[in-house]
Amino acid sequence: MMPVVEITQENYFRVALQNAIGLTVVDFYAPWCGPCRALAPTFEDIANAYPRVQVLKINVDSLPSVAAAFNVSSLPTILFIRDGAVVDKVVGAKRDEIAHKLLQYNM
């Protein structure tokens, strides 16, 4: 089981993506965002149910440069990254859509 990893520095994010094998799910959130807080347990569930999926969380207030680099303009924004490339994203607290894309890209 892989834990959900809170990324606190930009270089940690780069290293996490470089070392990733398979699918990485990135949750861009803010502590003041209600839908983000409501969605947080979903990422714990993903980390527990899919041990080969890397789950990262990025606080946009702490790392605005990373959020800007990925054109994050609404919260929550969830990116699906395979082999260093963004393959899809979900904007908003849409659990069903996140679950569908997780199954779609976790091969």
Protein backbone atom coordinates (compact mmCIF):
# COMPACT_ATOMS: atom_id res chain seq x y z
CA MET A 1 0.00 0.00 0.00
CA MET A 2 1.35 3.38 -1.00
CA PRO A 3 0.42 6.38 1.10
CA VAL A 4 -0.95 9.61 -0.28
CA VAL A 5 2.11 11.87 -0.54
CA GLU A 6 1.84 15.59 0.15
CA ILE A 7 4.25 17.42 -2.16
CA THR A 8 5.72 20.44 -0.38
CA GLN A 9 8.50 21.44 -2.77
CA GLU A 10 8.58 21.75 -6.54
CA ASN A 11 11.68 19.59 -6.91
CA TYR A 12 9.98 16.76 -4.92
CA PHE A 13 7.20 16.80 -7.53
CA ARG A 14 9.67 16.51 -10.40
CA VAL A 15 11.48 13.62 -8.69
CA ALA A 16 8.19 11.84 -7.90
CA LEU A 17 7.15 12.03 -11.56
CA GLN A 18 10.57 10.96 -12.84
CA ASN A 19 10.56 7.90 -10.58
CA ALA A 20 6.94 6.97 -11.26
CA ILE A 21 6.11 3.69 -12.93
CA GLY A 22 2.58 3.50 -14.27
CA LEU A 23 -0.16 5.86 -13.20
CA THR A 24 0.19 8.91 -10.95
CA VAL A 25 -2.91 10.72 -9.67
CA VAL A 26 -2.30 14.32 -8.59
CA ASP A 27 -4.84 16.17 -6.43
CA PHE A 28 -4.47 19.96 -6.64
CA TYR A 29 -6.31 21.37 -3.63
CA ALA A 30 -6.42 24.15 -1.06
CA PRO A 31 -7.17 23.80 2.67
CA TRP A 32 -9.96 26.40 2.43
CA CYS A 33 -11.71 24.52 -0.43
CA GLY A 34 -14.77 22.64 0.87
CA PRO A 35 -15.11 20.27 -2.12
CA CYS A 36 -11.38 19.50 -1.83
CA ARG A 37 -11.78 18.50 1.83
CA ALA A 38 -14.82 16.39 0.96
CA LEU A 39 -12.83 14.58 -1.73
CA ALA A 40 -9.74 13.89 0.45
CA PRO A 41 -10.92 10.43 1.66
CA THR A 42 -11.32 9.37 -1.98
CA PHE A 43 -7.56 9.69 -2.50
CA GLU A 44 -6.85 7.65 0.65
CA ASP A 45 -9.19 4.98 -0.77
CA ILE A 46 -7.37 5.03 -4.12
CA ALA A 47 -3.99 4.69 -2.39
CA ASN A 48 -5.29 1.73 -0.36
CA ALA A 49 -7.11 -0.03 -3.22
CA TYR A 50 -4.50 0.52 -5.94
CA PRO A 51 -1.04 -0.04 -4.44
CA ARG A 52 0.71 0.51 -7.80
CA VAL A 53 -0.87 3.94 -8.32
CA GLN A 54 1.12 6.87 -6.96
CA VAL A 55 -1.20 9.44 -5.32
CA LEU A 56 0.16 12.96 -4.79
CA LYS A 57 -1.46 16.02 -3.22
CA ILE A 58 -0.39 19.58 -4.01
CA ASN A 59 -1.61 22.58 -2.02
CA VAL A 60 -1.96 25.31 -4.65
CA ASP A 61 -1.40 28.01 -2.02
CA SER A 62 1.98 26.48 -1.13
CA LEU A 63 3.09 25.65 -4.68
CA PRO A 64 1.39 28.12 -7.03
CA SER A 65 4.14 27.65 -9.64
CA VAL A 66 3.30 23.95 -10.04
CA ALA A 67 -0.43 24.74 -10.26
CA ALA A 68 0.30 27.37 -12.91
CA ALA A 69 2.54 25.00 -14.88
CA PHE A 70 -0.42 22.59 -15.18
CA ASN A 71 -2.99 25.35 -15.87
CA VAL A 72 -4.92 24.64 -12.68
CA SER A 73 -7.56 27.36 -12.41
CA SER A 74 -10.36 25.61 -10.48
CA LEU A 75 -10.29 23.40 -7.41
CA PRO A 76 -10.13 20.57 -6.97
CA THR A 77 -8.27 19.60 -10.14
CA ILE A 78 -7.13 16.01 -10.46
CA LEU A 79 -4.50 15.07 -13.04
CA PHE A 80 -3.84 11.58 -14.35
CA ILE A 81 -0.19 11.22 -15.41
CA ARG A 82 1.42 8.22 -17.12
CA ASP A 83 5.14 8.12 -17.89
CA GLY A 84 5.52 11.83 -17.15
CA ALA A 85 2.71 13.00 -19.45
CA VAL A 86 -0.73 14.24 -18.43
CA VAL A 87 -3.24 11.86 -20.03
CA ASP A 88 -6.44 13.29 -18.50
CA LYS A 89 -7.90 15.50 -15.80
CA VAL A 90 -11.03 15.98 -13.74
CA VAL A 91 -12.07 19.43 -12.52
CA GLY A 92 -14.40 19.40 -9.53
CA ALA A 93 -15.34 16.90 -6.83
CA LYS A 94 -16.60 14.26 -9.26
CA ARG A 95 -15.96 10.93 -7.54
CA ASP A 96 -17.57 8.83 -10.30
CA GLU A 97 -15.53 10.49 -13.03
CA ILE A 98 -12.33 10.06 -11.00
CA ALA A 99 -13.13 6.37 -10.46
CA HIS A 100 -13.85 5.88 -14.17
CA LYS A 101 -10.59 7.53 -15.28
CA LEU A 102 -8.63 5.61 -12.64
CA LEU A 103 -9.86 2.33 -14.12
CA GLN A 104 -9.32 3.60 -17.67
CA TYR A 105 -5.67 4.59 -17.16
CA ASN A 106 -4.51 2.07 -14.55
CA MET A 107 -3.39 -0.69 -16.91
